[in-house]
Amino acid sequence: MHSLAKFLAYRFSLILGLAFAAPVHAAPADRGVIPASPVRGVTEREITFGSVVPLSGANKETGRLLKLGIEAAFNRANETGGVHGRMLRLAVADDGYDPNRTLDAMRQLYEREQVFGFVGSFGTATAAVAIPYALERRVLFFSPYTGANVTRHDPPDRYVFNYRPSYSEEADALVRYLVKLRRVPPRQIALFAQDDSFGDAGFAGVAKAFRTLGLNDAAILRANYVRNTVDVEPAINQLKAQKTPVRAVIMVATSRAAAKFIEKAHAALPGVIFVNVSAVGASALASELTLLGPRYAAGVIVTQAVPAVSGYSSLVLEYKESLAKHFPGEPPDYTSLEGYIEASILIQALKRTGPQLDTERLIETLESMRNIDLGLGALLNFGPAEHQASHKIWGTALDETGAYQAIELE
């Protein structure tokens, strides 16, 4: 609550500051010559971006994969001369998915590494700390790994852009899938969620879907767990105690907590359908469940913000080629693919902005980008009132071998 109040105060002060600030008139870019740049994080030869991700703690694998995906895209661009002759560099700071450490990580990147902007930072509660810091300094905060409302205001925060759909959209899609395709009565659907703004965002999506079905929010059964723990027993006991048996659980959780819940629920809630939003970390969840045994993995559903890594869309093929070249031995993964996509959008925007790069020019370019075709099978769009590029959600289900297979959600 303290982080949220602080965030709202920062946002209000920023709006006031922008309202009374002198207008910025960007000079036309000279697209032929790279000038000596006085812009933080930009030199004649390099552009430095920062990312705050967990490289320690329970979610370190997701953080590592996000970093790897962004670097695969940066490396591909650098092979052909970078962007207008400047190489792209990623500086990373570890906050362990602990919002109490996020501010120090942001300072490390902004003050010590002198980054131009932030890309691909991980987490919802951490974003509630990081975004006010970025907004105060009028620094780009691009495509954080969260679908929470803290990054999606109306009107949008000028310096915050998202690639992925919201958790609300994912949860809404999962409710409709369970009710329409799996024939689960809404009152037999429960929510297992992290007890913070990440879980709250998932609840908001479930609530939206329930209202569409003519049901009140009070009909939603929510069982929580504490962030950065795998203490799922209270949630299991809460669901076991229900008079009306639970037939499906929508999970808004990170990989280890989700895997522990599925393990315990197999005995306590036999026959339950497990469905997860994409932030669970698809590969990390699959690895955890495969270690437990085939019966724990089979049939577990995960929504994805990216197309199937086993597919043959042009972007996925490009990603796999870059991954094999720059990180040999790394298997294709939904999380690193998302990092690759968000970095690819950013690279396109940098190219369109021209060699005279600064934050305001880049923001104006991003807001002008329509019908971006990366080869995903879905067009992406930004605008002055639309800072979320994608609303497309893909469905996948684990088989007994721990591999994801594409499924239709509607």
Protein backbone atom coordinates (compact mmCIF):
# COMPACT_ATOMS: atom_id res chain seq x y z
CA MET A 1 0.00 0.00 0.00
CA HIS A 2 2.88 2.33 0.82
CA SER A 3 4.41 1.70 -2.64
CA LEU A 4 1.08 2.38 -4.34
CA ALA A 5 0.51 5.66 -2.47
CA LYS A 6 4.02 6.78 -3.27
CA PHE A 7 3.50 5.87 -6.92
CA LEU A 8 0.28 7.88 -7.18
CA ALA A 9 1.95 10.89 -5.56
CA TYR A 10 4.82 10.74 -8.04
CA ARG A 11 2.41 10.42 -10.96
CA PHE A 12 0.39 13.45 -9.84
CA SER A 13 3.52 15.57 -9.41
CA LEU A 14 4.72 14.53 -12.87
CA ILE A 15 1.43 15.55 -14.49
CA LEU A 16 1.66 18.97 -12.81
CA GLY A 17 5.26 19.32 -13.93
CA LEU A 18 4.44 18.48 -17.53
CA ALA A 19 1.44 20.79 -17.56
CA PHE A 20 3.54 23.86 -16.68
CA ALA A 21 6.71 22.91 -18.48
CA ALA A 22 7.75 24.77 -21.62
CA PRO A 23 6.90 22.75 -24.74
CA VAL A 24 9.70 20.76 -26.28
CA HIS A 25 10.19 21.43 -29.99
CA ALA A 26 12.43 18.80 -31.50
CA ALA A 27 14.65 19.93 -34.33
CA PRO A 28 14.41 17.85 -37.50
CA ALA A 29 16.81 14.93 -37.36
CA ASP A 30 19.79 15.05 -39.70
CA ARG A 31 19.69 11.44 -40.80
CA GLY A 32 23.06 11.56 -42.47
CA VAL A 33 25.49 12.35 -39.63
CA ILE A 34 25.75 11.07 -36.06
CA PRO A 35 26.39 14.09 -33.85
CA ALA A 36 28.32 14.05 -30.61
CA SER A 37 25.51 13.35 -28.13
CA PRO A 38 25.08 15.09 -24.77
CA VAL A 39 22.27 12.64 -24.00
CA ARG A 40 22.70 10.33 -21.00
CA GLY A 41 23.46 6.78 -22.09
CA VAL A 42 24.14 7.75 -25.70
CA THR A 43 27.61 8.19 -27.21
CA GLU A 44 28.81 8.30 -30.79
CA ARG A 45 29.35 4.54 -30.63
CA GLU A 46 26.89 3.13 -28.08
CA ILE A 47 23.40 3.27 -26.55
CA THR A 48 23.07 1.77 -23.07
CA PHE A 49 19.78 0.45 -21.69
CA GLY A 50 19.15 -0.91 -18.22
CA SER A 51 17.02 -3.75 -16.88
CA VAL A 52 16.11 -4.59 -13.28
CA VAL A 53 15.50 -8.34 -13.03
CA PRO A 54 15.87 -11.09 -10.42
CA LEU A 55 19.22 -12.81 -10.91
CA SER A 56 18.95 -14.29 -7.43
CA GLY A 57 16.09 -15.80 -5.47
CA ALA A 58 13.15 -17.94 -6.53
CA ASN A 59 12.64 -16.16 -9.87
CA LYS A 60 16.25 -15.92 -11.01
CA GLU A 61 15.70 -18.21 -14.02
CA THR A 62 12.94 -15.97 -15.40
CA GLY A 63 15.21 -12.95 -14.91
CA ARG A 64 18.08 -14.69 -16.68
CA LEU A 65 15.88 -15.64 -19.63
CA LEU A 66 14.52 -12.11 -20.03
CA LYS A 67 18.08 -10.77 -20.10
CA LEU A 68 19.14 -13.41 -22.59
CA GLY A 69 16.25 -12.64 -24.98
CA ILE A 70 16.95 -8.90 -24.99
CA GLU A 71 20.66 -9.51 -25.57
CA ALA A 72 19.92 -11.91 -28.44
CA ALA A 73 18.03 -9.10 -30.22
CA PHE A 74 20.68 -6.49 -29.38
CA ASN A 75 23.45 -8.80 -30.62
CA ARG A 76 21.62 -9.41 -33.89
CA ALA A 77 21.33 -5.66 -34.47
CA ASN A 78 24.96 -5.08 -33.50
CA GLU A 79 26.13 -7.63 -36.08
CA THR A 80 24.94 -5.33 -38.84
CA GLY A 81 26.36 -2.11 -37.40
CA GLY A 82 23.91 -1.44 -34.59
CA VAL A 83 21.43 1.41 -34.91
CA HIS A 84 22.72 4.36 -36.95
CA GLY A 85 26.24 3.23 -36.18
CA ARG A 86 25.72 2.85 -32.43
CA MET A 87 26.07 -0.50 -30.69
CA LEU A 88 23.34 -1.52 -28.23
CA ARG A 89 24.38 -2.51 -24.71
CA LEU A 90 22.30 -3.91 -21.84
CA ALA A 91 23.27 -3.24 -18.22
CA VAL A 92 21.46 -5.39 -15.65
CA ALA A 93 20.88 -4.94 -11.90
CA ASP A 94 19.54 -7.67 -9.61
CA ASP A 95 16.74 -6.87 -7.15
CA GLY A 96 15.83 -10.49 -6.35
CA TYR A 97 12.16 -9.68 -7.10
CA ASP A 98 12.13 -7.74 -3.84
CA PRO A 99 10.62 -4.23 -4.11
CA ASN A 100 12.72 -3.18 -1.10
CA ARG A 101 15.79 -3.64 -3.33
CA THR A 102 14.36 -2.19 -6.54
CA LEU A 103 15.13 1.47 -5.87
CA ASP A 104 18.82 0.72 -5.26
CA ALA A 105 18.92 -1.30 -8.48
CA MET A 106 17.34 1.57 -10.43
CA ARG A 107 19.84 4.03 -8.95
CA GLN A 108 22.72 1.73 -9.82
CA LEU A 109 21.67 1.67 -13.47
CA TYR A 110 20.72 5.34 -13.78
CA GLU A 111 23.52 6.92 -11.77
CA ARG A 112 26.43 4.51 -12.15
CA GLU A 113 25.73 2.94 -15.56
CA GLN A 114 24.21 6.16 -16.93
CA VAL A 115 21.55 4.25 -18.90
CA PHE A 116 19.49 5.96 -21.60
CA GLY A 117 16.32 4.07 -20.59
CA PHE A 118 14.98 0.86 -19.08
CA VAL A 119 13.75 -2.23 -20.93
CA GLY A 120 12.28 -5.55 -19.81
CA SER A 121 12.34 -5.04 -16.05
CA PHE A 122 10.62 -7.82 -14.10
CA GLY A 123 7.64 -7.78 -11.75
CA THR A 124 4.57 -5.90 -10.57
CA ALA A 125 5.39 -4.86 -7.00
CA THR A 126 8.87 -3.94 -8.23
CA ALA A 127 7.40 -1.85 -11.07
CA ALA A 128 5.37 0.13 -8.52
CA VAL A 129 8.74 1.27 -7.11
CA ALA A 130 10.66 1.58 -10.39
CA ILE A 131 8.14 3.56 -12.44
CA PRO A 132 7.95 6.65 -10.17
CA TYR A 133 11.77 6.78 -10.25
CA ALA A 134 11.74 6.67 -14.07
CA LEU A 135 8.89 9.19 -14.39
CA GLU A 136 10.60 11.69 -12.10
CA ARG A 137 13.61 11.62 -14.42
CA ARG A 138 11.56 11.45 -17.64
CA VAL A 139 13.28 8.24 -18.66
CA LEU A 140 11.79 5.56 -20.90
CA PHE A 141 10.46 2.51 -19.02
CA PHE A 142 9.83 0.07 -21.87
CA SER A 143 7.99 -3.24 -21.81
CA PRO A 144 8.26 -4.39 -18.20
CA TYR A 145 7.47 -8.07 -17.60
CA THR A 146 4.11 -7.46 -15.95
CA GLY A 147 0.51 -7.21 -17.07
CA ALA A 148 -0.61 -5.24 -14.01
CA ASN A 149 -2.48 -1.95 -14.08
CA VAL A 150 0.42 -0.14 -12.41
CA THR A 151 1.96 0.10 -15.90
CA ARG A 152 -1.34 0.78 -17.70
CA HIS A 153 -2.97 4.09 -16.84
CA ASP A 154 -5.60 6.01 -18.78
CA PRO A 155 -4.27 8.27 -20.14
CA PRO A 156 -0.98 6.41 -20.22
CA ASP A 157 2.14 7.64 -18.47
CA ARG A 158 4.21 9.33 -21.18
CA TYR A 159 7.39 7.32 -20.54
CA VAL A 160 5.86 3.87 -19.88
CA PHE A 161 5.20 1.47 -22.78
CA ASN A 162 4.11 -2.18 -22.73
CA TYR A 163 4.40 -4.98 -25.24
CA ARG A 164 2.36 -7.67 -23.51
CA PRO A 165 -1.39 -7.97 -22.84
CA SER A 166 -2.63 -7.21 -19.33
CA TYR A 167 -3.13 -9.87 -16.67
CA SER A 168 -6.75 -8.80 -16.64
CA GLU A 169 -7.04 -9.76 -20.32
CA GLU A 170 -5.32 -13.10 -19.70
CA ALA A 171 -7.48 -13.96 -16.68
CA ASP A 172 -10.62 -12.95 -18.57
CA ALA A 173 -9.60 -15.26 -21.46
CA LEU A 174 -9.03 -18.14 -19.03
CA VAL A 175 -12.45 -17.77 -17.40
CA ARG A 176 -14.13 -17.79 -20.81
CA TYR A 177 -12.08 -20.85 -21.83
CA LEU A 178 -13.05 -22.77 -18.70
CA VAL A 179 -16.74 -21.89 -18.92
CA LYS A 180 -17.29 -22.20 -22.68
CA LEU A 181 -14.87 -24.94 -23.75
CA ARG A 182 -14.35 -26.96 -20.56
CA ARG A 183 -17.93 -26.49 -19.29
CA VAL A 184 -16.87 -25.56 -15.74
CA PRO A 185 -19.59 -23.67 -13.81
CA PRO A 186 -18.19 -20.24 -12.75
CA ARG A 187 -18.92 -20.93 -9.09
CA GLN A 188 -16.56 -23.92 -9.27
CA ILE A 189 -13.63 -21.80 -10.48
CA ALA A 190 -11.18 -20.58 -7.82
CA LEU A 191 -8.25 -18.18 -7.95
CA PHE A 192 -4.83 -19.01 -6.48
CA ALA A 193 -2.90 -15.75 -6.38
CA GLN A 194 0.13 -13.97 -5.01
CA ASP A 195 -0.99 -11.71 -2.16
CA ASP A 196 -0.01 -8.38 -3.75
CA SER A 197 -0.73 -6.19 -6.77
CA PHE A 198 0.29 -9.03 -9.12
CA GLY A 199 -2.46 -11.23 -7.69
CA ASP A 200 -4.85 -8.27 -7.56
CA ALA A 201 -4.43 -7.75 -11.33
CA GLY A 202 -5.39 -11.37 -11.96
CA PHE A 203 -8.39 -11.02 -9.66
CA ALA A 204 -9.52 -7.96 -11.64
CA GLY A 205 -9.56 -10.03 -14.84
CA VAL A 206 -11.52 -12.85 -13.22
CA ALA A 207 -13.94 -10.30 -11.77
CA LYS A 208 -14.44 -8.72 -15.20
CA ALA A 209 -15.25 -12.10 -16.73
CA PHE A 210 -17.62 -12.96 -13.88
CA ARG A 211 -19.50 -9.68 -14.36
CA THR A 212 -19.86 -10.49 -18.06
CA LEU A 213 -21.46 -13.77 -16.99
CA GLY A 214 -23.86 -11.89 -14.71
CA LEU A 215 -22.12 -12.89 -11.48
CA ASN A 216 -21.00 -10.70 -8.59
CA ASP A 217 -17.35 -10.37 -7.53
CA ALA A 218 -18.34 -11.90 -4.20
CA ALA A 219 -18.77 -15.22 -6.01
CA ILE A 220 -15.00 -15.45 -6.62
CA LEU A 221 -13.07 -17.68 -4.24
CA ARG A 222 -9.49 -16.36 -3.85
CA ALA A 223 -6.75 -18.27 -2.04
CA ASN A 224 -3.47 -16.43 -1.52
CA TYR A 225 0.20 -17.12 -0.90
CA VAL A 226 3.00 -14.73 0.15
CA ARG A 227 5.40 -13.39 -2.51
CA ASN A 228 8.83 -15.09 -2.68
CA THR A 229 7.58 -18.13 -0.75
CA VAL A 230 6.14 -21.55 -1.62
CA ASP A 231 3.87 -21.66 1.43
CA VAL A 232 0.74 -22.96 -0.32
CA GLU A 233 -0.77 -25.06 2.49
CA PRO A 234 -3.19 -22.35 3.71
CA ALA A 235 -4.52 -21.94 0.16
CA ILE A 236 -4.91 -25.71 -0.27
CA ASN A 237 -6.78 -25.99 3.03
CA GLN A 238 -9.04 -23.07 2.10
CA LEU A 239 -10.05 -24.71 -1.19
CA LYS A 240 -10.51 -28.15 0.41
CA ALA A 241 -12.92 -26.63 2.93
CA GLN A 242 -15.38 -25.46 0.27
CA LYS A 243 -18.80 -27.15 0.28
CA THR A 244 -19.07 -26.78 -3.49
CA PRO A 245 -16.09 -28.70 -4.94
CA VAL A 246 -13.54 -26.68 -6.91
CA ARG A 247 -13.14 -27.95 -10.48
CA ALA A 248 -10.66 -25.43 -11.88
CA VAL A 249 -8.04 -23.07 -10.45
CA ILE A 250 -6.80 -19.94 -12.21
CA MET A 251 -3.25 -19.35 -11.00
CA VAL A 252 -1.63 -15.91 -10.80
CA ALA A 253 1.65 -17.07 -9.32
CA THR A 254 5.35 -17.46 -10.03
CA SER A 255 6.78 -20.80 -11.14
CA ARG A 256 7.93 -22.38 -7.88
CA ALA A 257 4.78 -21.45 -5.95
CA ALA A 258 2.61 -22.63 -8.84
CA ALA A 259 4.45 -25.95 -9.06
CA LYS A 260 4.20 -26.51 -5.31
CA PHE A 261 0.47 -25.73 -5.40
CA ILE A 262 -0.11 -28.18 -8.28
CA GLU A 263 1.88 -30.86 -6.45
CA LYS A 264 -0.14 -30.50 -3.24
CA ALA A 265 -3.48 -30.04 -5.01
CA HIS A 266 -3.15 -33.29 -6.97
CA ALA A 267 -3.93 -35.23 -3.80
CA ALA A 268 -6.09 -32.65 -2.05
CA LEU A 269 -8.22 -31.61 -5.05
CA PRO A 270 -8.24 -34.56 -7.48
CA GLY A 271 -9.34 -33.86 -11.04
CA VAL A 272 -8.89 -30.08 -10.83
CA ILE A 273 -7.93 -28.19 -14.01
CA PHE A 274 -4.90 -25.92 -13.52
CA VAL A 275 -4.62 -22.81 -15.70
CA ASN A 276 -1.90 -20.14 -15.40
CA VAL A 277 -1.27 -16.63 -16.70
CA SER A 278 1.94 -16.15 -18.68
CA ALA A 279 3.94 -14.51 -15.89
CA VAL A 280 4.31 -17.93 -14.25
CA GLY A 281 7.34 -18.48 -16.51
CA ALA A 282 6.40 -21.28 -18.88
CA SER A 283 9.72 -23.11 -19.05
CA ALA A 284 10.46 -22.75 -15.36
CA LEU A 285 7.04 -24.19 -14.51
CA ALA A 286 7.48 -27.05 -16.97
CA SER A 287 10.88 -27.91 -15.47
CA GLU A 288 9.51 -27.92 -11.92
CA LEU A 289 6.54 -30.13 -12.84
CA THR A 290 8.56 -32.55 -14.97
CA LEU A 291 10.82 -33.20 -12.00
CA LEU A 292 7.75 -34.17 -9.99
CA GLY A 293 6.60 -36.65 -12.63
CA PRO A 294 4.53 -36.84 -15.84
CA ARG A 295 1.15 -36.80 -14.12
CA TYR A 296 1.84 -33.38 -12.59
CA ALA A 297 2.68 -31.74 -15.91
CA ALA A 298 0.03 -33.26 -18.18
CA GLY A 299 -2.85 -30.92 -18.94
CA VAL A 300 -1.54 -27.83 -17.15
CA ILE A 301 -2.52 -24.77 -19.19
CA VAL A 302 -0.54 -21.54 -19.56
CA THR A 303 -1.58 -18.46 -21.52
CA GLN A 304 1.27 -16.86 -23.46
CA ALA A 305 2.04 -13.31 -24.56
CA VAL A 306 4.05 -14.67 -27.50
CA PRO A 307 3.47 -17.32 -30.19
CA ALA A 308 4.62 -20.92 -29.80
CA VAL A 309 8.39 -21.29 -29.69
CA SER A 310 7.95 -24.50 -31.71
CA GLY A 311 6.21 -22.54 -34.48
CA TYR A 312 7.49 -21.31 -37.82
CA SER A 313 6.50 -17.64 -37.93
CA SER A 314 9.28 -15.48 -39.36
CA LEU A 315 9.96 -13.77 -36.03
CA VAL A 316 10.23 -17.06 -34.14
CA LEU A 317 12.64 -18.44 -36.77
CA GLU A 318 14.75 -15.26 -36.54
CA TYR A 319 14.77 -15.50 -32.74
CA LYS A 320 15.86 -19.15 -32.79
CA GLU A 321 18.62 -18.38 -35.27
CA SER A 322 19.95 -15.53 -33.11
CA LEU A 323 19.65 -17.65 -29.95
CA ALA A 324 21.62 -20.52 -31.51
CA LYS A 325 24.33 -18.15 -32.74
CA HIS A 326 24.84 -15.99 -29.67
CA PHE A 327 23.82 -18.40 -26.90
CA PRO A 328 24.56 -21.90 -28.23
CA GLY A 329 22.94 -24.64 -26.19
CA GLU A 330 20.13 -22.41 -24.90
CA PRO A 331 16.76 -23.95 -25.84
CA PRO A 332 13.99 -21.71 -27.24
CA ASP A 333 11.83 -20.43 -24.42
CA TYR A 334 8.67 -18.32 -24.06
CA THR A 335 10.30 -15.88 -21.64
CA SER A 336 13.43 -15.24 -23.71
CA LEU A 337 11.24 -14.95 -26.82
CA GLU A 338 9.27 -12.19 -25.08
CA GLY A 339 12.53 -10.41 -24.26
CA TYR A 340 13.56 -10.74 -27.90
CA ILE A 341 10.25 -9.32 -29.15
CA GLU A 342 10.22 -6.30 -26.86
CA ALA A 343 13.85 -5.51 -27.78
CA SER A 344 12.98 -5.88 -31.48
CA ILE A 345 10.18 -3.32 -31.17
CA LEU A 346 12.56 -0.97 -29.38
CA ILE A 347 15.18 -1.41 -32.11
CA GLN A 348 12.63 -0.52 -34.79
CA ALA A 349 11.70 2.63 -32.87
CA LEU A 350 15.36 3.62 -32.48
CA LYS A 351 15.92 3.20 -36.21
CA ARG A 352 12.88 5.32 -37.07
CA THR A 353 13.91 8.05 -34.62
CA GLY A 354 17.17 8.72 -36.47
CA PRO A 355 20.74 9.42 -35.35
CA GLN A 356 19.85 12.52 -33.30
CA LEU A 357 18.48 10.44 -30.46
CA ASP A 358 16.92 11.72 -27.27
CA THR A 359 14.08 10.47 -25.08
CA GLU A 360 11.40 12.89 -26.31
CA ARG A 361 12.09 12.06 -29.97
CA LEU A 362 11.94 8.35 -29.18
CA ILE A 363 8.62 8.74 -27.32
CA GLU A 364 7.13 10.62 -30.28
CA THR A 365 8.33 7.88 -32.62
CA LEU A 366 6.84 5.12 -30.46
CA GLU A 367 3.49 6.90 -30.29
CA SER A 368 3.43 7.12 -34.09
CA MET A 369 4.08 3.41 -34.70
CA ARG A 370 1.05 1.62 -36.20
CA ASN A 371 0.59 -1.87 -37.66
CA ILE A 372 4.04 -3.05 -36.60
CA ASP A 373 4.60 -6.38 -38.37
CA LEU A 374 7.40 -8.30 -36.68
CA GLY A 375 6.24 -11.60 -38.15
CA LEU A 376 4.30 -12.73 -35.07
CA GLY A 377 1.06 -13.39 -36.89
CA ALA A 378 -0.46 -10.39 -35.10
CA LEU A 379 0.03 -6.66 -35.79
CA LEU A 380 1.21 -4.39 -32.97
CA ASN A 381 0.14 -0.80 -32.39
CA PHE A 382 1.08 2.16 -30.25
CA GLY A 383 -0.49 5.61 -30.12
CA PRO A 384 -0.67 8.69 -27.88
CA ALA A 385 -3.53 7.04 -25.96
CA GLU A 386 -2.35 3.43 -26.48
CA HIS A 387 0.93 2.42 -24.84
CA GLN A 388 0.25 -1.34 -24.99
CA ALA A 389 1.29 -2.89 -28.31
CA SER A 390 -0.34 -6.32 -28.08
CA HIS A 391 -3.74 -7.62 -27.01
CA LYS A 392 -3.17 -11.08 -28.49
CA ILE A 393 -3.17 -14.08 -26.12
CA TRP A 394 -1.99 -17.54 -27.17
CA GLY A 395 -2.99 -20.76 -25.40
CA THR A 396 -0.68 -23.69 -24.56
CA ALA A 397 -0.98 -26.93 -22.57
CA LEU A 398 1.75 -29.14 -21.15
CA ASP A 399 1.91 -32.78 -22.19
CA GLU A 400 3.34 -35.65 -20.12
CA THR A 401 6.86 -34.97 -21.43
CA GLY A 402 6.80 -31.35 -20.21
CA ALA A 403 6.46 -29.90 -23.72
CA TYR A 404 3.92 -27.20 -24.54
CA GLN A 405 1.33 -27.81 -27.24
CA ALA A 406 -0.77 -25.03 -28.77
CA ILE A 407 -4.46 -25.01 -27.85
CA GLU A 408 -7.42 -22.83 -28.83
CA LEU A 409 -8.77 -20.64 -26.05
CA GLU A 410 -12.10 -19.93 -27.76
